[in-house]
C-alpha atoms as a PDB file:
ATOM      1  CA  UNK A   1      49.740 -22.771 -90.687  1.00  0.00           C
ATOM      2  CA  UNK A   2      53.499 -22.250 -89.817  1.00  0.00           C
ATOM      3  CA  UNK A   3      54.330 -18.114 -89.900  1.00  0.00           C
ATOM      4  CA  UNK A   4      57.330 -17.244 -90.527  1.00  0.00           C
ATOM      5  CA  UNK A   5      58.800 -13.341 -91.919  1.00  0.00           C
ATOM      6  CA  UNK A   6      59.636 -14.963 -94.926  1.00  0.00           C
ATOM      7  CA  UNK A   7      57.737 -18.094 -95.526  1.00  0.00           C
ATOM      8  CA  UNK A   8      54.110 -19.669 -94.523  1.00  0.00           C
ATOM      9  CA  UNK A   9      53.956 -23.458 -95.332  1.00  0.00           C
ATOM     10  CA  UNK A  10      50.522 -25.403 -94.748  1.00  0.00           C
ATOM     11  CA  UNK A  11      49.785 -29.026 -93.822  1.00  0.00           C
ATOM     12  CA  UNK A  12      47.053 -30.699 -95.776  1.00  0.00           C
ATOM     13  CA  UNK A  13      46.871 -34.249 -94.872  1.00  0.00           C
ATOM     14  CA  UNK A  14      49.975 -35.597 -96.424  1.00  0.00           C
ATOM     15  CA  UNK A  15      51.123 -32.695 -97.891  1.00  0.00           C
ATOM     16  CA  UNK A  16      53.351 -29.778 -96.720  1.00  0.00           C
ATOM     17  CA  UNK A  17      52.890 -27.238 -99.173  1.00  0.00           C
ATOM     18  CA  UNK A  18      55.083 -24.434 -98.065  1.00  0.00           C
ATOM     19  CA  UNK A  19      55.125 -20.537-100.063  1.00  0.00           C
ATOM     20  CA  UNK A  20      58.033 -18.195-100.561  1.00  0.00           C
ATOM     21  CA  UNK A  21      55.648 -15.216 -98.935  1.00  0.00           C
ATOM     22  CA  UNK A  22      57.359 -12.044 -99.815  1.00  0.00           C
ATOM     23  CA  UNK A  23      55.302 -10.435-103.217  1.00  0.00           C
ATOM     24  CA  UNK A  24      55.991  -7.617-103.163  1.00  0.00           C
ATOM     25  CA  UNK A  25      59.600  -8.043-103.271  1.00  0.00           C
ATOM     26  CA  UNK A  26      59.407 -10.881-105.701  1.00  0.00           C
ATOM     27  CA  UNK A  27      60.385 -13.768-102.996  1.00  0.00           C
ATOM     28  CA  UNK A  28      64.581 -12.942-102.334  1.00  0.00           C
ATOM     29  CA  UNK A  29      66.253 -15.227-101.030  1.00  0.00           C
ATOM     30  CA  UNK A  30      68.292 -14.697 -97.875  1.00  0.00           C
ATOM     31  CA  UNK A  31      69.547 -16.286 -95.022  1.00  0.00           C
ATOM     32  CA  UNK A  32      66.308 -15.542 -92.770  1.00  0.00           C
ATOM     33  CA  UNK A  33      64.390 -17.767 -95.438  1.00  0.00           C
ATOM     34  CA  UNK A  34      67.332 -20.340 -95.692  1.00  0.00           C
ATOM     35  CA  UNK A  35      67.175 -20.032 -91.504  1.00  0.00           C
ATOM     36  CA  UNK A  36      63.168 -21.166 -92.310  1.00  0.00           C
ATOM     37  CA  UNK A  37      62.832 -23.468 -94.630  1.00  0.00           C
ATOM     38  CA  UNK A  38      65.492 -25.399 -92.498  1.00  0.00           C
ATOM     39  CA  UNK A  39      62.880 -24.931 -89.715  1.00  0.00           C
ATOM     40  CA  UNK A  40      60.314 -26.117 -91.908  1.00  0.00           C
ATOM     41  CA  UNK A  41      61.998 -29.216 -93.185  1.00  0.00           C
ATOM     42  CA  UNK A  42      62.901 -30.304 -89.514  1.00  0.00           C
ATOM     43  CA  UNK A  43      59.601 -29.938 -88.584  1.00  0.00           C
ATOM     44  CA  UNK A  44      57.902 -32.080 -91.742  1.00  0.00           C
ATOM     45  CA  UNK A  45      60.646 -34.853 -91.546  1.00  0.00           C
ATOM     46  CA  UNK A  46      59.520 -35.117 -87.819  1.00  0.00           C
ATOM     47  CA  UNK A  47      55.579 -35.254 -88.771  1.00  0.00           C
ATOM     48  CA  UNK A  48      54.696 -39.014 -89.583  1.00  0.00           C
ATOM     49  CA  UNK A  49      52.026 -37.572 -91.318  1.00  0.00           C
ATOM     50  CA  UNK A  50      53.616 -35.632 -93.856  1.00  0.00           C
ATOM     51  CA  UNK A  51      54.947 -37.653 -97.314  1.00  0.00           C
ATOM     52  CA  UNK A  52      55.713 -34.762 -99.478  1.00  0.00           C
ATOM     53  CA  UNK A  53      57.139 -31.140 -99.020  1.00  0.00           C
ATOM     54  CA  UNK A  54      56.145 -28.523-101.885  1.00  0.00           C
ATOM     55  CA  UNK A  55      57.517 -24.849-102.040  1.00  0.00           C
ATOM     56  CA  UNK A  56      56.245 -21.818-104.699  1.00  0.00           C
ATOM     57  CA  UNK A  57      56.491 -18.380-104.888  1.00  0.00           C
ATOM     58  CA  UNK A  58      53.563 -15.928-103.865  1.00  0.00           C
ATOM     59  CA  UNK A  59      52.688 -12.897-106.348  1.00  0.00           C
ATOM     60  CA  UNK A  60      53.835 -12.115-109.849  1.00  0.00           C
ATOM     61  CA  UNK A  61      57.506 -14.529-109.829  1.00  0.00           C
ATOM     62  CA  UNK A  62      58.634 -17.442-108.521  1.00  0.00           C
ATOM     63  CA  UNK A  63      61.613 -15.590-106.749  1.00  0.00           C
ATOM     64  CA  UNK A  64      64.173 -13.362-107.768  1.00  0.00           C
ATOM     65  CA  UNK A  65      67.170 -15.031-106.493  1.00  0.00           C
ATOM     66  CA  UNK A  66      69.676 -13.781-103.917  1.00  0.00           C
ATOM     67  CA  UNK A  67      68.424  -9.970-101.793  1.00  0.00           C
ATOM     68  CA  UNK A  68      70.704  -7.733-103.483  1.00  0.00           C
ATOM     69  CA  UNK A  69      68.677  -5.351-101.799  1.00  0.00           C
ATOM     70  CA  UNK A  70      70.020  -5.808 -98.168  1.00  0.00           C
ATOM     71  CA  UNK A  71      73.769  -6.540 -98.898  1.00  0.00           C
ATOM     72  CA  UNK A  72      73.799  -3.488-101.392  1.00  0.00           C
ATOM     73  CA  UNK A  73      74.518  -0.970 -98.972  1.00  0.00           C
ATOM     74  CA  UNK A  74      77.133  -2.875 -96.424  1.00  0.00           C
ATOM     75  CA  UNK A  75      78.671  -3.835-100.300  1.00  0.00           C
ATOM     76  CA  UNK A  76      78.701   0.049-100.653  1.00  0.00           C
ATOM     77  CA  UNK A  77      80.106   1.165 -97.876  1.00  0.00           C
ATOM     78  CA  UNK A  78      82.779  -1.570 -97.298  1.00  0.00           C
ATOM     79  CA  UNK A  79      83.336  -3.121-100.314  1.00  0.00           C
ATOM     80  CA  UNK A  80      82.203  -6.830 -99.460  1.00  0.00           C
ATOM     81  CA  UNK A  81      82.656  -9.662-100.172  1.00  0.00           C
ATOM     82  CA  UNK A  82      81.259 -12.801 -99.796  1.00  0.00           C
ATOM     83  CA  UNK A  83      83.855 -15.295-100.114  1.00  0.00           C
ATOM     84  CA  UNK A  84      83.774 -18.128 -97.751  1.00  0.00           C
ATOM     85  CA  UNK A  85      86.657 -18.036 -95.066  1.00  0.00           C
ATOM     86  CA  UNK A  86      89.501 -20.221 -95.532  1.00  0.00           C
ATOM     87  CA  UNK A  87      88.700 -22.591 -92.480  1.00  0.00           C
ATOM     88  CA  UNK A  88      85.095 -22.658 -92.756  1.00  0.00           C
ATOM     89  CA  UNK A  89      84.096 -26.315 -93.456  1.00  0.00           C
ATOM     90  CA  UNK A  90      81.995 -27.327 -96.935  1.00  0.00           C
ATOM     91  CA  UNK A  91      78.488 -28.801 -95.869  1.00  0.00           C
ATOM     92  CA  UNK A  92      75.798 -29.249 -98.356  1.00  0.00           C
ATOM     93  CA  UNK A  93      72.204 -27.721 -97.496  1.00  0.00           C
ATOM     94  CA  UNK A  94      69.486 -28.607 -95.158  1.00  0.00           C
ATOM     95  CA  UNK A  95      67.793 -29.698 -98.399  1.00  0.00           C
ATOM     96  CA  UNK A  96      69.970 -32.444 -99.403  1.00  0.00           C
ATOM     97  CA  UNK A  97      69.571 -34.518 -96.290  1.00  0.00           C
ATOM     98  CA  UNK A  98      65.669 -34.317 -96.533  1.00  0.00           C
ATOM     99  CA  UNK A  99      64.820 -37.838 -96.395  1.00  0.00           C
ATOM    100  CA  UNK A 100      60.963 -37.245 -97.761  1.00  0.00           C
ATOM    101  CA  UNK A 101      60.284 -36.162-101.472  1.00  0.00           C
ATOM    102  CA  UNK A 102      60.099 -32.096-102.444  1.00  0.00           C
ATOM    103  CA  UNK A 103      57.978 -30.784-105.410  1.00  0.00           C
ATOM    104  CA  UNK A 104      58.844 -27.462-106.220  1.00  0.00           C
ATOM    105  CA  UNK A 105      55.883 -25.413-108.557  1.00  0.00           C
ATOM    106  CA  UNK A 106      57.894 -21.855-109.775  1.00  0.00           C
ATOM    107  CA  UNK A 107      56.111 -19.400-112.283  1.00  0.00           C
ATOM    108  CA  UNK A 108      57.541 -16.196-114.516  1.00  0.00           C
ATOM    109  CA  UNK A 109      61.262 -15.721-113.226  1.00  0.00           C
ATOM    110  CA  UNK A 110      64.291 -18.132-111.168  1.00  0.00           C
ATOM    111  CA  UNK A 111      66.394 -15.957-110.356  1.00  0.00           C
ATOM    112  CA  UNK A 112      70.221 -17.519-109.838  1.00  0.00           C
ATOM    113  CA  UNK A 113      69.842 -18.398-106.093  1.00  0.00           C
ATOM    114  CA  UNK A 114      66.731 -19.372-106.709  1.00  0.00           C
ATOM    115  CA  UNK A 115      67.921 -21.693-109.706  1.00  0.00           C
ATOM    116  CA  UNK A 116      70.333 -23.202-107.573  1.00  0.00           C
ATOM    117  CA  UNK A 117      67.544 -23.743-104.499  1.00  0.00           C
ATOM    118  CA  UNK A 118      65.701 -25.886-106.927  1.00  0.00           C
ATOM    119  CA  UNK A 119      69.158 -28.283-107.378  1.00  0.00           C
ATOM    120  CA  UNK A 120      68.236 -29.771-104.525  1.00  0.00           C
ATOM    121  CA  UNK A 121      64.271 -29.842-104.992  1.00  0.00           C
ATOM    122  CA  UNK A 122      63.442 -34.135-105.759  1.00  0.00           C
ATOM    123  CA  UNK A 123      60.711 -32.771-108.897  1.00  0.00           C
ATOM    124  CA  UNK A 124      60.237 -29.344-110.573  1.00  0.00           C
ATOM    125  CA  UNK A 125      56.400 -28.224-112.281  1.00  0.00           C
ATOM    126  CA  UNK A 126      57.461 -25.230-114.010  1.00  0.00           C
ATOM    127  CA  UNK A 127      54.650 -22.658-116.380  1.00  0.00           C
ATOM    128  CA  UNK A 128      54.661 -21.754-119.729  1.00  0.00           C
ATOM    129  CA  UNK A 129      57.220 -19.373-120.283  1.00  0.00           C
ATOM    130  CA  UNK A 130      59.274 -19.262-117.150  1.00  0.00           C
ATOM    131  CA  UNK A 131      62.911 -18.062-117.271  1.00  0.00           C
ATOM    132  CA  UNK A 132      65.646 -18.924-115.367  1.00  0.00           C
ATOM    133  CA  UNK A 133      67.675 -17.063-115.298  1.00  0.00           C
ATOM    134  CA  UNK A 134      71.785 -16.961-113.944  1.00  0.00           C
ATOM    135  CA  UNK A 135      72.069 -12.799-115.468  1.00  0.00           C
ATOM    136  CA  UNK A 136      73.446 -11.743-111.894  1.00  0.00           C
ATOM    137  CA  UNK A 137      76.664 -13.285-112.467  1.00  0.00           C
ATOM    138  CA  UNK A 138      77.795 -10.439-115.686  1.00  0.00           C
ATOM    139  CA  UNK A 139      77.893  -8.429-112.049  1.00  0.00           C
ATOM    140  CA  UNK A 140      76.219  -8.050-108.938  1.00  0.00           C
ATOM    141  CA  UNK A 141      76.262 -10.976-107.859  1.00  0.00           C
ATOM    142  CA  UNK A 142      75.084 -14.507-109.067  1.00  0.00           C
ATOM    143  CA  UNK A 143      73.733 -17.704-106.506  1.00  0.00           C
ATOM    144  CA  UNK A 144      75.534 -19.206-104.143  1.00  0.00           C
ATOM    145  CA  UNK A 145      74.302 -22.726-104.707  1.00  0.00           C
ATOM    146  CA  UNK A 146      75.460 -22.202-108.353  1.00  0.00           C
ATOM    147  CA  UNK A 147      77.422 -25.866-108.250  1.00  0.00           C
ATOM    148  CA  UNK A 148      74.889 -27.720-107.618  1.00  0.00           C
ATOM    149  CA  UNK A 149      74.259 -27.290-111.493  1.00  0.00           C
ATOM    150  CA  UNK A 150      77.268 -29.047-112.604  1.00  0.00           C
ATOM    151  CA  UNK A 151      74.928 -32.367-112.037  1.00  0.00           C
ATOM    152  CA  UNK A 152      71.692 -31.359-113.490  1.00  0.00           C
ATOM    153  CA  UNK A 153      72.693 -29.377-116.850  1.00  0.00           C
ATOM    154  CA  UNK A 154      75.115 -30.129-119.584  1.00  0.00           C
ATOM    155  CA  UNK A 155      78.906 -28.545-119.211  1.00  0.00           C
ATOM    156  CA  UNK A 156      78.186 -25.759-122.562  1.00  0.00           C
ATOM    157  CA  UNK A 157      75.149 -24.660-120.377  1.00  0.00           C
ATOM    158  CA  UNK A 158      76.650 -23.901-117.360  1.00  0.00           C
ATOM    159  CA  UNK A 159      79.535 -22.293-118.858  1.00  0.00           C
ATOM    160  CA  UNK A 160      77.672 -20.282-120.628  1.00  0.00           C
ATOM    161  CA  UNK A 161      75.464 -19.555-118.276  1.00  0.00           C
ATOM    162  CA  UNK A 162      77.918 -18.259-115.455  1.00  0.00           C
ATOM    163  CA  UNK A 163      80.540 -17.143-117.618  1.00  0.00           C
ATOM    164  CA  UNK A 164      78.143 -14.731-119.909  1.00  0.00           C
ATOM    165  CA  UNK A 165      74.915 -14.244-117.260  1.00  0.00           C
ATOM    166  CA  UNK A 166      73.370 -16.976-119.656  1.00  0.00           C
ATOM    167  CA  UNK A 167      69.153 -17.817-119.067  1.00  0.00           C
ATOM    168  CA  UNK A 168      67.024 -20.196-120.793  1.00  0.00           C
ATOM    169  CA  UNK A 169      62.895 -21.053-121.098  1.00  0.00           C
ATOM    170  CA  UNK A 170      60.886 -23.521-119.960  1.00  0.00           C
ATOM    171  CA  UNK A 171      60.756 -25.543-122.586  1.00  0.00           C
ATOM    172  CA  UNK A 172      64.368 -25.810-122.851  1.00  0.00           C
ATOM    173  CA  UNK A 173      64.634 -26.762-119.213  1.00  0.00           C
ATOM    174  CA  UNK A 174      61.560 -29.592-120.304  1.00  0.00           C
ATOM    175  CA  UNK A 175      64.587 -31.176-122.633  1.00  0.00           C
ATOM    176  CA  UNK A 176      66.803 -30.953-120.310  1.00  0.00           C
ATOM    177  CA  UNK A 177      64.476 -33.010-117.881  1.00  0.00           C
ATOM    178  CA  UNK A 178      65.542 -30.206-115.541  1.00  0.00           C
ATOM    179  CA  UNK A 179      61.330 -29.919-114.940  1.00  0.00           C
ATOM    180  CA  UNK A 180      59.774 -32.303-114.980  1.00  0.00           C
ATOM    181  CA  UNK A 181      56.174 -30.257-116.580  1.00  0.00           C
ATOM    182  CA  UNK A 182      55.233 -27.605-118.571  1.00  0.00           C
ATOM    183  CA  UNK A 183      51.796 -26.357-118.052  1.00  0.00           C
ATOM    184  CA  UNK A 184      49.583 -22.846-118.239  1.00  0.00           C
ATOM    185  CA  UNK A 185      50.213 -20.295-115.253  1.00  0.00           C
ATOM    186  CA  UNK A 186      47.249 -21.129-114.074  1.00  0.00           C
ATOM    187  CA  UNK A 187      47.783 -25.171-113.280  1.00  0.00           C
ATOM    188  CA  UNK A 188      51.352 -24.992-111.716  1.00  0.00           C
ATOM    189  CA  UNK A 189      49.225 -25.432-108.457  1.00  0.00           C
ATOM    190  CA  UNK A 190      47.327 -28.414-109.297  1.00  0.00           C
ATOM    191  CA  UNK A 191      49.846 -29.862-111.329  1.00  0.00           C
ATOM    192  CA  UNK A 192      52.605 -29.371-108.464  1.00  0.00           C
ATOM    193  CA  UNK A 193      49.882 -30.899-106.121  1.00  0.00           C
ATOM    194  CA  UNK A 194      48.847 -33.814-108.382  1.00  0.00           C
ATOM    195  CA  UNK A 195      52.873 -34.892-108.396  1.00  0.00           C
ATOM    196  CA  UNK A 196      53.309 -33.625-104.865  1.00  0.00           C
ATOM    197  CA  UNK A 197      49.971 -36.971-104.372  1.00  0.00           C
ATOM    198  CA  UNK A 198      51.309 -39.195-106.332  1.00  0.00           C
ATOM    199  CA  UNK A 199      54.933 -39.267-104.431  1.00  0.00           C
ATOM    200  CA  UNK A 200      52.926 -39.716-101.341  1.00  0.00           C
ATOM    201  CA  UNK A 201      51.095 -42.794-102.569  1.00  0.00           C
ATOM    202  CA  UNK A 202      54.444 -44.409-102.395  1.00  0.00           C
ATOM    203  CA  UNK A 203      55.669 -45.852 -99.179  1.00  0.00           C
ATOM    204  CA  UNK A 204      57.406 -43.326 -97.221  1.00  0.00           C
ATOM    205  CA  UNK A 205      60.828 -46.223 -96.027  1.00  0.00           C
ATOM    206  CA  UNK A 206      61.329 -47.099-100.078  1.00  0.00           C
ATOM    207  CA  UNK A 207      61.417 -42.850-100.141  1.00  0.00           C
ATOM    208  CA  UNK A 208      63.329 -42.565 -97.820  1.00  0.00           C
ATOM    209  CA  UNK A 209      65.721 -45.602 -98.928  1.00  0.00           C
ATOM    210  CA  UNK A 210      65.534 -44.257-102.479  1.00  0.00           C
ATOM    211  CA  UNK A 211      66.913 -40.825-101.664  1.00  0.00           C
ATOM    212  CA  UNK A 212      69.499 -41.870 -98.805  1.00  0.00           C
ATOM    213  CA  UNK A 213      71.418 -44.109-101.570  1.00  0.00           C
ATOM    214  CA  UNK A 214      71.143 -41.790-104.193  1.00  0.00           C
ATOM    215  CA  UNK A 215      71.933 -39.265-102.300  1.00  0.00           C
ATOM    216  CA  UNK A 216      74.901 -40.980-100.798  1.00  0.00           C
ATOM    217  CA  UNK A 217      76.627 -42.114-103.642  1.00  0.00           C
ATOM    218  CA  UNK A 218      76.765 -38.442-104.928  1.00  0.00           C
ATOM    219  CA  UNK A 219      78.764 -37.736-102.025  1.00  0.00           C
ATOM    220  CA  UNK A 220      80.783 -40.278-102.510  1.00  0.00           C
ATOM    221  CA  UNK A 221      81.366 -39.572-105.705  1.00  0.00           C
ATOM    222  CA  UNK A 222      83.215 -36.445-103.957  1.00  0.00           C
ATOM    223  CA  UNK A 223      79.820 -33.820-104.465  1.00  0.00           C
ATOM    224  CA  UNK A 224      81.569 -31.807-100.656  1.00  0.00           C
ATOM    225  CA  UNK A 225      84.057 -31.250-103.446  1.00  0.00           C
ATOM    226  CA  UNK A 226      82.020 -29.486-105.559  1.00  0.00           C
ATOM    227  CA  UNK A 227      81.179 -27.207-102.168  1.00  0.00           C
ATOM    228  CA  UNK A 228      84.272 -26.039-101.546  1.00  0.00           C
ATOM    229  CA  UNK A 229      85.197 -25.301-105.018  1.00  0.00           C
ATOM    230  CA  UNK A 230      81.797 -23.087-105.234  1.00  0.00           C
ATOM    231  CA  UNK A 231      82.627 -21.642-101.723  1.00  0.00           C
ATOM    232  CA  UNK A 232      85.504 -19.904-103.637  1.00  0.00           C
ATOM    233  CA  UNK A 233      83.967 -18.794-106.649  1.00  0.00           C
ATOM    234  CA  UNK A 234      81.568 -16.645-104.617  1.00  0.00           C
ATOM    235  CA  UNK A 235      83.974 -13.556-104.719  1.00  0.00           C
ATOM    236  CA  UNK A 236      82.547 -10.023-105.466  1.00  0.00           C
ATOM    237  CA  UNK A 237      85.346  -7.899-105.827  1.00  0.00           C
ATOM    238  CA  UNK A 238      85.575  -4.590-105.780  1.00  0.00           C
ATOM    239  CA  UNK A 239      85.628  -3.444-109.487  1.00  0.00           C
ATOM    240  CA  UNK A 240      83.954  -0.574-110.935  1.00  0.00           C
ATOM    241  CA  UNK A 241      80.761  -2.503-112.291  1.00  0.00           C
ATOM    242  CA  UNK A 242      80.434  -4.012-109.413  1.00  0.00           C
ATOM    243  CA  UNK A 243      80.174  -0.404-107.417  1.00  0.00           C
ATOM    244  CA  UNK A 244      78.221   0.964-109.446  1.00  0.00           C
ATOM    245  CA  UNK A 245      75.785  -1.663-109.176  1.00  0.00           C
ATOM    246  CA  UNK A 246      74.914  -1.456-105.639  1.00  0.00           C
ATOM    247  CA  UNK A 247      75.126   2.281-105.228  1.00  0.00           C
ATOM    248  CA  UNK A 248      71.990   2.016-107.588  1.00  0.00           C
ATOM    249  CA  UNK A 249      70.270  -0.428-105.801  1.00  0.00           C
ATOM    250  CA  UNK A 250      70.455   2.203-102.776  1.00  0.00           C
ATOM    251  CA  UNK A 251      69.850   4.951-104.687  1.00  0.00           C
ATOM    252  CA  UNK A 252      67.559   4.161-107.073  1.00  0.00           C
ATOM    253  CA  UNK A 253      65.981   0.973-105.949  1.00  0.00           C
ATOM    254  CA  UNK A 254      66.804  -2.760-107.632  1.00  0.00           C
ATOM    255  CA  UNK A 255      64.832  -2.595-111.163  1.00  0.00           C
ATOM    256  CA  UNK A 256      66.813   0.641-112.113  1.00  0.00           C
ATOM    257  CA  UNK A 257      70.342  -0.983-111.224  1.00  0.00           C
ATOM    258  CA  UNK A 258      69.671  -4.400-113.252  1.00  0.00           C
ATOM    259  CA  UNK A 259      68.511  -1.896-116.487  1.00  0.00           C
ATOM    260  CA  UNK A 260      71.765  -0.753-115.921  1.00  0.00           C
ATOM    261  CA  UNK A 261      73.517  -4.291-115.854  1.00  0.00           C
ATOM    262  CA  UNK A 262      71.528  -6.121-118.474  1.00  0.00           C
ATOM    263  CA  UNK A 263      70.841  -2.900-121.076  1.00  0.00           C
ATOM    264  CA  UNK A 264      75.109  -3.696-121.472  1.00  0.00           C
ATOM    265  CA  UNK A 265      74.474  -6.950-123.301  1.00  0.00           C
ATOM    266  CA  UNK A 266      73.032  -9.239-125.478  1.00  0.00           C
ATOM    267  CA  UNK A 267      69.841 -10.447-124.576  1.00  0.00           C
ATOM    268  CA  UNK A 268      69.485 -13.202-127.346  1.00  0.00           C
ATOM    269  CA  UNK A 269      73.406 -14.402-127.090  1.00  0.00           C
ATOM    270  CA  UNK A 270      72.700 -15.226-123.790  1.00  0.00           C
ATOM    271  CA  UNK A 271      69.921 -17.364-124.200  1.00  0.00           C
ATOM    272  CA  UNK A 272      70.527 -21.045-124.090  1.00  0.00           C
END
């Protein structure tokens, strides 16, 4: 068992089961989570017994997305922008270079940052009724990894998600093969592990070769340019809605801030 601040990881034979473990906060993603996730992947890659990594979320949801409560005080005080510095060299996330298989099991809600995170998993199992949301893009923030979704979802869908704060459910995700199975909530863990066990039967050298070859093809197609575009797009403008959103986060909590944001929009129109 690996113990961290934001995740836990337990080795079960050839499978390493990772769990986002901040359920009281809806498993938000932040720099610390990515740091610990990278550390787990490093350990899994070095362990010759591990063939597959699974990742799920503890509690009521998979992940609400980025931890806006963490950045809210700084934004209200200084109007902080999350834009990457112009001289930063674009890099792909650690998961892209992980040579073994990753299977995600998601349920209830997948926020914007978490949606981008799934773009780097090899396969996704979803609970019936799971909401894949980019509503955070309306104002207040969005996912830093949205660019990977342009390889996996239709263009008009990406536009609706990113420009209108769109969302879709698990059944729609299955039609695009963004998820590979939709199962009852109580079967997500079982089905995720079933896929992991099946993948673990494949000779490891074959899995490594397949991922490296396929990923290299996308790199040669210019994937790093997607990162550069995404870096320049992740800007929180100092507009009135953003400032008010983060003020509500700091003073009244995340629930009230989300209500302030989403009550102004038509959820039925935003659904893909």
